[in-house]
Amino acid sequence: MMIPLSDTIRREVETTVRTKLSESRIVDVYATAEEIRRRHAAENVVIEHIAASVAQLATQCGCAVEF
């Protein structure tokens, strides 16, 4: 079950994943999720929810993911 993320975090996930894809075709899911979580610490979202969103978007874009 996917926990809904705020629009702000969802946009941040998309922007960050696309930036990572321009650097490499492999996305480190938890490092990327932690980076996003720190930027939005006030929203108090657990890293696993952000990581699930990062992994989903990265795989939809056709890149490899690492955990």
N, C-alpha and C. Protein backbone atom coordinates (compact mmCIF):
# COMPACT_ATOMS: atom_id res chain seq x y z
N MET A 1 0.84 -1.17 0.00
CA MET A 1 0.00 0.00 0.00
C MET A 1 0.89 1.24 0.00
N MET A 2 0.65 2.11 -0.94
CA MET A 2 1.45 3.32 -1.07
C MET A 2 0.84 4.44 -0.22
N ILE A 3 1.64 5.03 0.64
CA ILE A 3 1.20 6.15 1.45
C ILE A 3 1.31 7.41 0.59
N PRO A 4 0.24 8.19 0.52
CA PRO A 4 0.31 9.40 -0.32
C PRO A 4 1.32 10.40 0.22
N LEU A 5 2.14 10.90 -0.65
CA LEU A 5 3.11 11.93 -0.30
C LEU A 5 2.53 13.28 -0.69
N SER A 6 3.01 14.32 -0.07
CA SER A 6 2.55 15.66 -0.41
C SER A 6 2.99 16.00 -1.84
N ASP A 7 2.30 16.95 -2.43
CA ASP A 7 2.66 17.38 -3.79
C ASP A 7 4.10 17.89 -3.84
N THR A 8 4.51 18.56 -2.79
CA THR A 8 5.87 19.10 -2.74
C THR A 8 6.90 17.98 -2.80
N ILE A 9 6.70 16.95 -2.01
CA ILE A 9 7.65 15.84 -1.99
C ILE A 9 7.59 15.06 -3.30
N ARG A 10 6.41 14.87 -3.85
CA ARG A 10 6.32 14.15 -5.13
C ARG A 10 7.05 14.90 -6.24
N ARG A 11 6.92 16.23 -6.26
CA ARG A 11 7.66 17.02 -7.25
C ARG A 11 9.17 16.92 -7.01
N GLU A 12 9.55 16.94 -5.75
CA GLU A 12 10.97 16.81 -5.39
C GLU A 12 11.52 15.46 -5.81
N VAL A 13 10.74 14.40 -5.63
CA VAL A 13 11.15 13.06 -6.06
C VAL A 13 11.39 13.06 -7.56
N GLU A 14 10.44 13.59 -8.31
CA GLU A 14 10.58 13.61 -9.77
C GLU A 14 11.80 14.42 -10.21
N THR A 15 11.96 15.59 -9.65
CA THR A 15 13.10 16.45 -10.02
C THR A 15 14.43 15.79 -9.66
N THR A 16 14.51 15.25 -8.46
CA THR A 16 15.76 14.64 -8.01
C THR A 16 16.09 13.39 -8.80
N VAL A 17 15.11 12.54 -9.06
CA VAL A 17 15.37 11.32 -9.84
C VAL A 17 15.82 11.68 -11.25
N ARG A 18 15.17 12.65 -11.87
CA ARG A 18 15.57 13.05 -13.23
C ARG A 18 16.98 13.64 -13.25
N THR A 19 17.33 14.37 -12.21
CA THR A 19 18.70 14.89 -12.10
C THR A 19 19.70 13.75 -11.96
N LYS A 20 19.37 12.77 -11.10
CA LYS A 20 20.25 11.61 -10.92
C LYS A 20 20.40 10.83 -12.23
N LEU A 21 19.31 10.73 -13.00
CA LEU A 21 19.36 10.00 -14.26
C LEU A 21 20.26 10.70 -15.28
N SER A 22 20.36 12.02 -15.20
CA SER A 22 21.24 12.73 -16.12
C SER A 22 22.71 12.49 -15.77
N GLU A 23 22.96 12.08 -14.51
CA GLU A 23 24.32 11.81 -14.06
C GLU A 23 24.71 10.35 -14.27
N SER A 24 23.74 9.44 -14.10
CA SER A 24 24.02 8.00 -14.17
C SER A 24 22.73 7.26 -14.46
N ARG A 25 22.82 6.07 -15.03
CA ARG A 25 21.63 5.26 -15.29
C ARG A 25 21.30 4.35 -14.11
N ILE A 26 22.00 4.54 -13.01
CA ILE A 26 21.73 3.77 -11.78
C ILE A 26 21.39 4.76 -10.68
N VAL A 27 20.26 4.51 -10.00
CA VAL A 27 19.83 5.39 -8.92
C VAL A 27 19.94 4.64 -7.59
N ASP A 28 20.64 5.23 -6.65
CA ASP A 28 20.72 4.68 -5.29
C ASP A 28 19.47 5.14 -4.56
N VAL A 29 18.53 4.23 -4.39
CA VAL A 29 17.20 4.56 -3.89
C VAL A 29 17.25 5.19 -2.50
N TYR A 30 17.92 4.55 -1.56
CA TYR A 30 17.90 5.07 -0.19
C TYR A 30 18.71 6.34 -0.03
N ALA A 31 19.80 6.50 -0.75
CA ALA A 31 20.57 7.74 -0.67
C ALA A 31 19.75 8.90 -1.23
N THR A 32 19.06 8.65 -2.33
CA THR A 32 18.21 9.68 -2.93
C THR A 32 17.04 10.02 -2.02
N ALA A 33 16.42 9.00 -1.45
CA ALA A 33 15.29 9.21 -0.55
C ALA A 33 15.72 9.98 0.70
N GLU A 34 16.88 9.67 1.23
CA GLU A 34 17.39 10.37 2.41
C GLU A 34 17.67 11.84 2.09
N GLU A 35 18.20 12.08 0.92
CA GLU A 35 18.46 13.45 0.48
C GLU A 35 17.15 14.26 0.44
N ILE A 36 16.11 13.66 -0.11
CA ILE A 36 14.81 14.31 -0.20
C ILE A 36 14.19 14.47 1.20
N ARG A 37 14.28 13.44 2.01
CA ARG A 37 13.71 13.49 3.36
C ARG A 37 14.33 14.62 4.19
N ARG A 38 15.64 14.80 4.06
CA ARG A 38 16.32 15.86 4.81
C ARG A 38 15.85 17.25 4.38
N ARG A 39 15.61 17.41 3.08
CA ARG A 39 15.13 18.70 2.58
C ARG A 39 13.72 19.01 3.07
N HIS A 40 12.97 17.97 3.40
CA HIS A 40 11.58 18.13 3.82
C HIS A 40 11.35 17.52 5.20
N ALA A 41 12.28 17.72 6.08
CA ALA A 41 12.21 17.13 7.43
C ALA A 41 10.99 17.60 8.20
N ALA A 42 10.53 18.81 7.94
CA ALA A 42 9.37 19.35 8.66
C ALA A 42 8.09 18.55 8.38
N GLU A 43 8.04 17.86 7.24
CA GLU A 43 6.85 17.07 6.90
C GLU A 43 6.82 15.72 7.60
N ASN A 44 7.95 15.32 8.19
CA ASN A 44 8.02 14.10 8.99
C ASN A 44 7.51 12.85 8.26
N VAL A 45 8.05 12.62 7.07
CA VAL A 45 7.68 11.45 6.27
C VAL A 45 8.78 10.41 6.43
N VAL A 46 8.39 9.15 6.63
CA VAL A 46 9.40 8.11 6.81
C VAL A 46 10.11 7.83 5.48
N ILE A 47 11.35 7.47 5.59
CA ILE A 47 12.19 7.28 4.41
C ILE A 47 11.67 6.17 3.49
N GLU A 48 11.03 5.15 4.05
CA GLU A 48 10.55 4.03 3.24
C GLU A 48 9.49 4.48 2.24
N HIS A 49 8.65 5.43 2.61
CA HIS A 49 7.62 5.92 1.70
C HIS A 49 8.24 6.70 0.55
N ILE A 50 9.23 7.51 0.88
CA ILE A 50 9.92 8.27 -0.17
C ILE A 50 10.72 7.31 -1.05
N ALA A 51 11.38 6.33 -0.45
CA ALA A 51 12.17 5.36 -1.21
C ALA A 51 11.29 4.58 -2.19
N ALA A 52 10.10 4.22 -1.77
CA ALA A 52 9.19 3.50 -2.67
C ALA A 52 8.85 4.35 -3.88
N SER A 53 8.62 5.63 -3.66
CA SER A 53 8.31 6.54 -4.76
C SER A 53 9.52 6.72 -5.68
N VAL A 54 10.70 6.85 -5.09
CA VAL A 54 11.93 6.98 -5.88
C VAL A 54 12.15 5.74 -6.74
N ALA A 55 12.01 4.56 -6.14
CA ALA A 55 12.22 3.31 -6.88
C ALA A 55 11.21 3.16 -8.01
N GLN A 56 9.96 3.50 -7.74
CA GLN A 56 8.92 3.38 -8.77
C GLN A 56 9.21 4.30 -9.95
N LEU A 57 9.53 5.55 -9.68
CA LEU A 57 9.81 6.49 -10.77
C LEU A 57 11.06 6.09 -11.54
N ALA A 58 12.10 5.69 -10.84
CA ALA A 58 13.34 5.30 -11.50
C ALA A 58 13.13 4.11 -12.42
N THR A 59 12.38 3.12 -11.98
CA THR A 59 12.14 1.95 -12.84
C THR A 59 11.24 2.31 -14.01
N GLN A 60 10.29 3.21 -13.81
CA GLN A 60 9.45 3.65 -14.91
C GLN A 60 10.26 4.38 -15.98
N CYS A 61 11.34 5.03 -15.55
CA CYS A 61 12.21 5.74 -16.48
C CYS A 61 13.22 4.80 -17.15
N GLY A 62 13.19 3.53 -16.75
CA GLY A 62 14.04 2.54 -17.40
C GLY A 62 15.46 2.46 -16.87
N CYS A 63 15.71 2.93 -15.68
CA CYS A 63 17.06 2.83 -15.16
C CYS A 63 17.15 1.77 -14.08
N ALA A 64 18.35 1.40 -13.78
CA ALA A 64 18.60 0.40 -12.73
C ALA A 64 18.55 1.10 -11.38
N VAL A 65 18.14 0.34 -10.37
CA VAL A 65 18.12 0.88 -9.02
C VAL A 65 18.98 0.02 -8.11
N GLU A 66 19.57 0.67 -7.13
CA GLU A 66 20.31 -0.06 -6.10
C GLU A 66 19.81 0.39 -4.75
N PHE A 67 19.82 -0.54 -3.80
CA PHE A 67 19.30 -0.24 -2.47
C PHE A 67 20.42 -0.22 -1.47
